[in-house]
Amino acid sequence: MTPEQKLIIGTSLLPVLADFIEDYPMKQLAKAQRNAIVKAIRHYDAFYMDGAPIDVVDQQANIQLWFRQMLEKEFVN
């Protein structure tokens, strides 16, 4: 894998993980730490993806969709 491909994968999976972390109920101190992590991920994603070519944006969306589907399949309630 090229460094660019690794970056696309990282910037694809981190926002999904941030969504999952954001959805989990937490108490005050943990919630503050969670919010800091989520904010950092959102900034990181925006830094790399704002102005990215449309094919890279599409790749990111496809990887996110695949990752969510794989997790839903694996963790059936």
PDB file of N, CA and C in Angstrom:
ATOM      1  N   MET A   1       0.834  -1.183   0.000  1.00  0.00           N
ATOM      2  CA  MET A   1       0.000   0.000   0.000  1.00  0.00           C
ATOM      3  C   MET A   1       0.877   1.244   0.000  1.00  0.00           C
ATOM      4  N   THR A   2       0.445   2.238  -0.734  1.00  0.00           N
ATOM      5  CA  THR A   2       1.203   3.480  -0.768  1.00  0.00           C
ATOM      6  C   THR A   2       0.895   4.312   0.477  1.00  0.00           C
ATOM      7  N   PRO A   3       1.754   5.259   0.815  1.00  0.00           N
ATOM      8  CA  PRO A   3       1.455   6.144   1.943  1.00  0.00           C
ATOM      9  C   PRO A   3       0.131   6.894   1.747  1.00  0.00           C
ATOM     10  N   GLU A   4      -0.177   7.262   0.513  1.00  0.00           N
ATOM     11  CA  GLU A   4      -1.435   7.967   0.240  1.00  0.00           C
ATOM     12  C   GLU A   4      -2.638   7.068   0.512  1.00  0.00           C
ATOM     13  N   GLN A   5      -2.545   5.810   0.128  1.00  0.00           N
ATOM     14  CA  GLN A   5      -3.629   4.865   0.394  1.00  0.00           C
ATOM     15  C   GLN A   5      -3.807   4.644   1.892  1.00  0.00           C
ATOM     16  N   LYS A   6      -2.711   4.559   2.613  1.00  0.00           N
ATOM     17  CA  LYS A   6      -2.788   4.407   4.068  1.00  0.00           C
ATOM     18  C   LYS A   6      -3.452   5.627   4.702  1.00  0.00           C
ATOM     19  N   LEU A   7      -3.142   6.806   4.189  1.00  0.00           N
ATOM     20  CA  LEU A   7      -3.752   8.029   4.700  1.00  0.00           C
ATOM     21  C   LEU A   7      -5.256   8.042   4.429  1.00  0.00           C
ATOM     22  N   ILE A   8      -5.666   7.621   3.247  1.00  0.00           N
ATOM     23  CA  ILE A   8      -7.100   7.558   2.930  1.00  0.00           C
ATOM     24  C   ILE A   8      -7.810   6.596   3.872  1.00  0.00           C
ATOM     25  N   ILE A   9      -7.199   5.457   4.134  1.00  0.00           N
ATOM     26  CA  ILE A   9      -7.808   4.488   5.048  1.00  0.00           C
ATOM     27  C   ILE A   9      -7.923   5.082   6.442  1.00  0.00           C
ATOM     28  N   GLY A  10      -6.860   5.715   6.920  1.00  0.00           N
ATOM     29  CA  GLY A  10      -6.890   6.337   8.252  1.00  0.00           C
ATOM     30  C   GLY A  10      -7.933   7.424   8.356  1.00  0.00           C
ATOM     31  N   THR A  11      -7.995   8.270   7.339  1.00  0.00           N
ATOM     32  CA  THR A  11      -8.969   9.356   7.384  1.00  0.00           C
ATOM     33  C   THR A  11     -10.378   8.856   7.102  1.00  0.00           C
ATOM     34  N   SER A  12     -10.515   7.625   6.667  1.00  0.00           N
ATOM     35  CA  SER A  12     -11.833   7.031   6.483  1.00  0.00           C
ATOM     36  C   SER A  12     -12.345   6.399   7.764  1.00  0.00           C
ATOM     37  N   LEU A  13     -11.478   5.680   8.442  1.00  0.00           N
ATOM     38  CA  LEU A  13     -11.909   4.932   9.618  1.00  0.00           C
ATOM     39  C   LEU A  13     -12.038   5.792  10.866  1.00  0.00           C
ATOM     40  N   LEU A  14     -11.171   6.781  11.017  1.00  0.00           N
ATOM     41  CA  LEU A  14     -11.233   7.611  12.224  1.00  0.00           C
ATOM     42  C   LEU A  14     -12.576   8.309  12.409  1.00  0.00           C
ATOM     43  N   PRO A  15     -13.184   8.908  11.380  1.00  0.00           N
ATOM     44  CA  PRO A  15     -14.489   9.537  11.588  1.00  0.00           C
ATOM     45  C   PRO A  15     -15.584   8.545  12.006  1.00  0.00           C
ATOM     46  N   VAL A  16     -15.512   7.330  11.487  1.00  0.00           N
ATOM     47  CA  VAL A  16     -16.483   6.312  11.894  1.00  0.00           C
ATOM     48  C   VAL A  16     -16.288   5.979  13.365  1.00  0.00           C
ATOM     49  N   LEU A  17     -15.042   5.812  13.778  1.00  0.00           N
ATOM     50  CA  LEU A  17     -14.749   5.527  15.184  1.00  0.00           C
ATOM     51  C   LEU A  17     -15.179   6.694  16.075  1.00  0.00           C
ATOM     52  N   ALA A  18     -14.985   7.912  15.596  1.00  0.00           N
ATOM     53  CA  ALA A  18     -15.427   9.083  16.365  1.00  0.00           C
ATOM     54  C   ALA A  18     -16.947   9.057  16.540  1.00  0.00           C
ATOM     55  N   ASP A  19     -17.672   8.675  15.490  1.00  0.00           N
ATOM     56  CA  ASP A  19     -19.136   8.552  15.606  1.00  0.00           C
ATOM     57  C   ASP A  19     -19.510   7.549  16.673  1.00  0.00           C
ATOM     58  N   PHE A  20     -18.827   6.399  16.689  1.00  0.00           N
ATOM     59  CA  PHE A  20     -19.128   5.367  17.676  1.00  0.00           C
ATOM     60  C   PHE A  20     -18.838   5.860  19.095  1.00  0.00           C
ATOM     61  N   ILE A  21     -17.695   6.502  19.267  1.00  0.00           N
ATOM     62  CA  ILE A  21     -17.320   7.022  20.590  1.00  0.00           C
ATOM     63  C   ILE A  21     -18.324   8.084  21.033  1.00  0.00           C
ATOM     64  N   GLU A  22     -18.721   8.920  20.098  1.00  0.00           N
ATOM     65  CA  GLU A  22     -19.652  10.006  20.396  1.00  0.00           C
ATOM     66  C   GLU A  22     -21.007   9.485  20.860  1.00  0.00           C
ATOM     67  N   ASP A  23     -21.422   8.331  20.340  1.00  0.00           N
ATOM     68  CA  ASP A  23     -22.725   7.757  20.672  1.00  0.00           C
ATOM     69  C   ASP A  23     -22.771   7.092  22.041  1.00  0.00           C
ATOM     70  N   TYR A  24     -21.613   6.805  22.625  1.00  0.00           N
ATOM     71  CA  TYR A  24     -21.582   6.090  23.892  1.00  0.00           C
ATOM     72  C   TYR A  24     -21.779   7.070  25.051  1.00  0.00           C
ATOM     73  N   PRO A  25     -22.758   6.797  25.922  1.00  0.00           N
ATOM     74  CA  PRO A  25     -22.996   7.708  27.059  1.00  0.00           C
ATOM     75  C   PRO A  25     -21.855   7.623  28.077  1.00  0.00           C
ATOM     76  N   MET A  26     -21.397   8.791  28.531  1.00  0.00           N
ATOM     77  CA  MET A  26     -20.287   8.836  29.483  1.00  0.00           C
ATOM     78  C   MET A  26     -20.559   9.885  30.555  1.00  0.00           C
ATOM     79  N   LYS A  27     -19.832   9.768  31.653  1.00  0.00           N
ATOM     80  CA  LYS A  27     -19.911  10.743  32.743  1.00  0.00           C
ATOM     81  C   LYS A  27     -19.033  11.947  32.405  1.00  0.00           C
ATOM     82  N   GLN A  28     -19.061  12.954  33.244  1.00  0.00           N
ATOM     83  CA  GLN A  28     -18.480  14.261  32.927  1.00  0.00           C
ATOM     84  C   GLN A  28     -17.029  14.255  32.486  1.00  0.00           C
ATOM     85  N   LEU A  29     -16.113  13.731  33.274  1.00  0.00           N
ATOM     86  CA  LEU A  29     -14.695  13.790  32.917  1.00  0.00           C
ATOM     87  C   LEU A  29     -14.424  12.960  31.664  1.00  0.00           C
ATOM     88  N   ALA A  30     -14.983  11.773  31.628  1.00  0.00           N
ATOM     89  CA  ALA A  30     -14.813  10.932  30.439  1.00  0.00           C
ATOM     90  C   ALA A  30     -15.441  11.595  29.226  1.00  0.00           C
ATOM     91  N   LYS A  31     -16.566  12.256  29.428  1.00  0.00           N
ATOM     92  CA  LYS A  31     -17.247  12.942  28.317  1.00  0.00           C
ATOM     93  C   LYS A  31     -16.375  14.067  27.765  1.00  0.00           C
ATOM     94  N   ALA A  32     -15.697  14.791  28.624  1.00  0.00           N
ATOM     95  CA  ALA A  32     -14.811  15.869  28.179  1.00  0.00           C
ATOM     96  C   ALA A  32     -13.647  15.302  27.358  1.00  0.00           C
ATOM     97  N   GLN A  33     -13.084  14.181  27.817  1.00  0.00           N
ATOM     98  CA  GLN A  33     -11.995  13.537  27.077  1.00  0.00           C
ATOM     99  C   GLN A  33     -12.494  13.006  25.736  1.00  0.00           C
ATOM    100  N   ARG A  34     -13.685  12.410  25.758  1.00  0.00           N
ATOM    101  CA  ARG A  34     -14.277  11.901  24.521  1.00  0.00           C
ATOM    102  C   ARG A  34     -14.480  13.027  23.521  1.00  0.00           C
ATOM    103  N   ASN A  35     -15.035  14.129  23.985  1.00  0.00           N
ATOM    104  CA  ASN A  35     -15.282  15.265  23.101  1.00  0.00           C
ATOM    105  C   ASN A  35     -13.989  15.821  22.515  1.00  0.00           C
ATOM    106  N   ALA A  36     -12.914  15.814  23.300  1.00  0.00           N
ATOM    107  CA  ALA A  36     -11.615  16.284  22.802  1.00  0.00           C
ATOM    108  C   ALA A  36     -11.095  15.362  21.700  1.00  0.00           C
ATOM    109  N   ILE A  37     -11.245  14.059  21.896  1.00  0.00           N
ATOM    110  CA  ILE A  37     -10.799  13.098  20.881  1.00  0.00           C
ATOM    111  C   ILE A  37     -11.617  13.251  19.606  1.00  0.00           C
ATOM    112  N   VAL A  38     -12.929  13.344  19.753  1.00  0.00           N
ATOM    113  CA  VAL A  38     -13.808  13.489  18.593  1.00  0.00           C
ATOM    114  C   VAL A  38     -13.487  14.775  17.839  1.00  0.00           C
ATOM    115  N   LYS A  39     -13.273  15.857  18.565  1.00  0.00           N
ATOM    116  CA  LYS A  39     -12.944  17.137  17.930  1.00  0.00           C
ATOM    117  C   LYS A  39     -11.624  17.037  17.160  1.00  0.00           C
ATOM    118  N   ALA A  40     -10.634  16.388  17.752  1.00  0.00           N
ATOM    119  CA  ALA A  40      -9.340  16.228  17.080  1.00  0.00           C
ATOM    120  C   ALA A  40      -9.488  15.403  15.804  1.00  0.00           C
ATOM    121  N   ILE A  41     -10.276  14.348  15.859  1.00  0.00           N
ATOM    122  CA  ILE A  41     -10.498  13.521  14.670  1.00  0.00           C
ATOM    123  C   ILE A  41     -11.197  14.318  13.585  1.00  0.00           C
ATOM    124  N   ARG A  42     -12.218  15.086  13.957  1.00  0.00           N
ATOM    125  CA  ARG A  42     -12.953  15.890  12.977  1.00  0.00           C
ATOM    126  C   ARG A  42     -12.024  16.926  12.315  1.00  0.00           C
ATOM    127  N   HIS A  43     -11.141  17.555  13.106  1.00  0.00           N
ATOM    128  CA  HIS A  43     -10.193  18.515  12.544  1.00  0.00           C
ATOM    129  C   HIS A  43      -9.191  17.829  11.611  1.00  0.00           C
ATOM    130  N   TYR A  44      -8.704  16.673  12.019  1.00  0.00           N
ATOM    131  CA  TYR A  44      -7.762  15.898  11.203  1.00  0.00           C
ATOM    132  C   TYR A  44      -8.413  15.530   9.869  1.00  0.00           C
ATOM    133  N   ASP A  45      -9.647  15.049   9.932  1.00  0.00           N
ATOM    134  CA  ASP A  45     -10.384  14.681   8.729  1.00  0.00           C
ATOM    135  C   ASP A  45     -10.576  15.894   7.818  1.00  0.00           C
ATOM    136  N   ALA A  46     -10.979  17.010   8.378  1.00  0.00           N
ATOM    137  CA  ALA A  46     -11.201  18.223   7.584  1.00  0.00           C
ATOM    138  C   ALA A  46      -9.901  18.705   6.951  1.00  0.00           C
ATOM    139  N   PHE A  47      -8.797  18.616   7.697  1.00  0.00           N
ATOM    140  CA  PHE A  47      -7.502  19.063   7.185  1.00  0.00           C
ATOM    141  C   PHE A  47      -7.134  18.318   5.902  1.00  0.00           C
ATOM    142  N   TYR A  48      -7.329  17.001   5.907  1.00  0.00           N
ATOM    143  CA  TYR A  48      -6.946  16.204   4.749  1.00  0.00           C
ATOM    144  C   TYR A  48      -8.023  16.132   3.672  1.00  0.00           C
ATOM    145  N   MET A  49      -9.286  16.223   4.048  1.00  0.00           N
ATOM    146  CA  MET A  49     -10.344  15.966   3.081  1.00  0.00           C
ATOM    147  C   MET A  49     -10.943  17.229   2.462  1.00  0.00           C
ATOM    148  N   ASP A  50     -10.845  18.361   3.118  1.00  0.00           N
ATOM    149  CA  ASP A  50     -11.356  19.598   2.512  1.00  0.00           C
ATOM    150  C   ASP A  50     -10.523  19.917   1.275  1.00  0.00           C
ATOM    151  N   GLY A  51     -11.164  19.979   0.160  1.00  0.00           N
ATOM    152  CA  GLY A  51     -10.462  20.260  -1.082  1.00  0.00           C
ATOM    153  C   GLY A  51      -9.845  19.039  -1.741  1.00  0.00           C
ATOM    154  N   ALA A  52     -10.112  17.849  -1.183  1.00  0.00           N
ATOM    155  CA  ALA A  52      -9.574  16.625  -1.785  1.00  0.00           C
ATOM    156  C   ALA A  52     -10.279  16.351  -3.107  1.00  0.00           C
ATOM    157  N   PRO A  53      -9.617  15.700  -4.033  1.00  0.00           N
ATOM    158  CA  PRO A  53     -10.257  15.337  -5.294  1.00  0.00           C
ATOM    159  C   PRO A  53     -11.483  14.458  -5.052  1.00  0.00           C
ATOM    160  N   ILE A  54     -12.449  14.551  -5.931  1.00  0.00           N
ATOM    161  CA  ILE A  54     -13.714  13.834  -5.755  1.00  0.00           C
ATOM    162  C   ILE A  54     -13.509  12.329  -5.674  1.00  0.00           C
ATOM    163  N   ASP A  55     -12.528  11.789  -6.387  1.00  0.00           N
ATOM    164  CA  ASP A  55     -12.296  10.342  -6.313  1.00  0.00           C
ATOM    165  C   ASP A  55     -11.800   9.920  -4.931  1.00  0.00           C
ATOM    166  N   VAL A  56     -11.042  10.767  -4.279  1.00  0.00           N
ATOM    167  CA  VAL A  56     -10.578  10.476  -2.917  1.00  0.00           C
ATOM    168  C   VAL A  56     -11.748  10.561  -1.936  1.00  0.00           C
ATOM    169  N   VAL A  57     -12.614  11.544  -2.110  1.00  0.00           N
ATOM    170  CA  VAL A  57     -13.802  11.679  -1.264  1.00  0.00           C
ATOM    171  C   VAL A  57     -14.698  10.456  -1.443  1.00  0.00           C
ATOM    172  N   ASP A  58     -14.864  10.009  -2.676  1.00  0.00           N
ATOM    173  CA  ASP A  58     -15.664   8.808  -2.942  1.00  0.00           C
ATOM    174  C   ASP A  58     -15.037   7.577  -2.303  1.00  0.00           C
ATOM    175  N   GLN A  59     -13.710   7.460  -2.400  1.00  0.00           N
ATOM    176  CA  GLN A  59     -13.020   6.329  -1.766  1.00  0.00           C
ATOM    177  C   GLN A  59     -13.255   6.346  -0.261  1.00  0.00           C
ATOM    178  N   GLN A  60     -13.153   7.528   0.336  1.00  0.00           N
ATOM    179  CA  GLN A  60     -13.362   7.626   1.782  1.00  0.00           C
ATOM    180  C   GLN A  60     -14.770   7.178   2.146  1.00  0.00           C
ATOM    181  N   ALA A  61     -15.761   7.650   1.409  1.00  0.00           N
ATOM    182  CA  ALA A  61     -17.149   7.277   1.690  1.00  0.00           C
ATOM    183  C   ALA A  61     -17.359   5.773   1.519  1.00  0.00           C
ATOM    184  N   ASN A  62     -16.764   5.188   0.488  1.00  0.00           N
ATOM    185  CA  ASN A  62     -16.904   3.747   0.255  1.00  0.00           C
ATOM    186  C   ASN A  62     -16.249   2.933   1.361  1.00  0.00           C
ATOM    187  N   ILE A  63     -15.083   3.363   1.813  1.00  0.00           N
ATOM    188  CA  ILE A  63     -14.398   2.661   2.907  1.00  0.00           C
ATOM    189  C   ILE A  63     -15.217   2.769   4.191  1.00  0.00           C
ATOM    190  N   GLN A  64     -15.760   3.944   4.459  1.00  0.00           N
ATOM    191  CA  GLN A  64     -16.584   4.119   5.660  1.00  0.00           C
ATOM    192  C   GLN A  64     -17.816   3.216   5.614  1.00  0.00           C
ATOM    193  N   LEU A  65     -18.470   3.176   4.476  1.00  0.00           N
ATOM    194  CA  LEU A  65     -19.655   2.335   4.312  1.00  0.00           C
ATOM    195  C   LEU A  65     -19.294   0.871   4.490  1.00  0.00           C
ATOM    196  N   TRP A  66     -18.225   0.421   3.861  1.00  0.00           N
ATOM    197  CA  TRP A  66     -17.775  -0.961   3.998  1.00  0.00           C
ATOM    198  C   TRP A  66     -17.466  -1.295   5.458  1.00  0.00           C
ATOM    199  N   PHE A  67     -16.751  -0.395   6.141  1.00  0.00           N
ATOM    200  CA  PHE A  67     -16.366  -0.626   7.535  1.00  0.00           C
ATOM    201  C   PHE A  67     -17.590  -0.753   8.433  1.00  0.00           C
ATOM    202  N   ARG A  68     -18.551   0.142   8.253  1.00  0.00           N
ATOM    203  CA  ARG A  68     -19.777   0.074   9.048  1.00  0.00           C
ATOM    204  C   ARG A  68     -20.553  -1.207   8.761  1.00  0.00           C
ATOM    205  N   GLN A  69     -20.654  -1.600   7.509  1.00  0.00           N
ATOM    206  CA  GLN A  69     -21.368  -2.821   7.146  1.00  0.00           C
ATOM    207  C   GLN A  69     -20.676  -4.057   7.720  1.00  0.00           C
ATOM    208  N   MET A  70     -19.351  -4.078   7.657  1.00  0.00           N
ATOM    209  CA  MET A  70     -18.608  -5.197   8.200  1.00  0.00           C
ATOM    210  C   MET A  70     -18.847  -5.311   9.707  1.00  0.00           C
ATOM    211  N   LEU A  71     -18.811  -4.182  10.401  1.00  0.00           N
ATOM    212  CA  LEU A  71     -19.030  -4.206  11.852  1.00  0.00           C
ATOM    213  C   LEU A  71     -20.454  -4.620  12.197  1.00  0.00           C
ATOM    214  N   GLU A  72     -21.422  -4.130  11.454  1.00  0.00           N
ATOM    215  CA  GLU A  72     -22.821  -4.525  11.700  1.00  0.00           C
ATOM    216  C   GLU A  72     -22.998  -6.027  11.493  1.00  0.00           C
ATOM    217  N   LYS A  73     -22.367  -6.563  10.455  1.00  0.00           N
ATOM    218  CA  LYS A  73     -22.447  -8.008  10.178  1.00  0.00           C
ATOM    219  C   LYS A  73     -21.778  -8.801  11.289  1.00  0.00           C
ATOM    220  N   GLU A  74     -20.638  -8.326  11.754  1.00  0.00           N
ATOM    221  CA  GLU A  74     -19.860  -9.041  12.764  1.00  0.00           C
ATOM    222  C   GLU A  74     -20.504  -8.968  14.152  1.00  0.00           C
ATOM    223  N   PHE A  75     -21.122  -7.830  14.463  1.00  0.00           N
ATOM    224  CA  PHE A  75     -21.692  -7.620  15.791  1.00  0.00           C
ATOM    225  C   PHE A  75     -23.207  -7.590  15.745  1.00  0.00           C
ATOM    226  N   VAL A  76     -23.790  -8.628  15.185  1.00  0.00           N
ATOM    227  CA  VAL A  76     -25.249  -8.733  15.107  1.00  0.00           C
ATOM    228  C   VAL A  76     -25.800  -8.857  16.519  1.00  0.00           C
ATOM    229  N   ASN A  77     -26.821  -8.065  16.810  1.00  0.00           N
ATOM    230  CA  ASN A  77     -27.406  -8.104  18.176  1.00  0.00           C
ATOM    231  C   ASN A  77     -28.190  -9.356  18.400  1.00  0.00           C
TER     232      ASN A  77
END
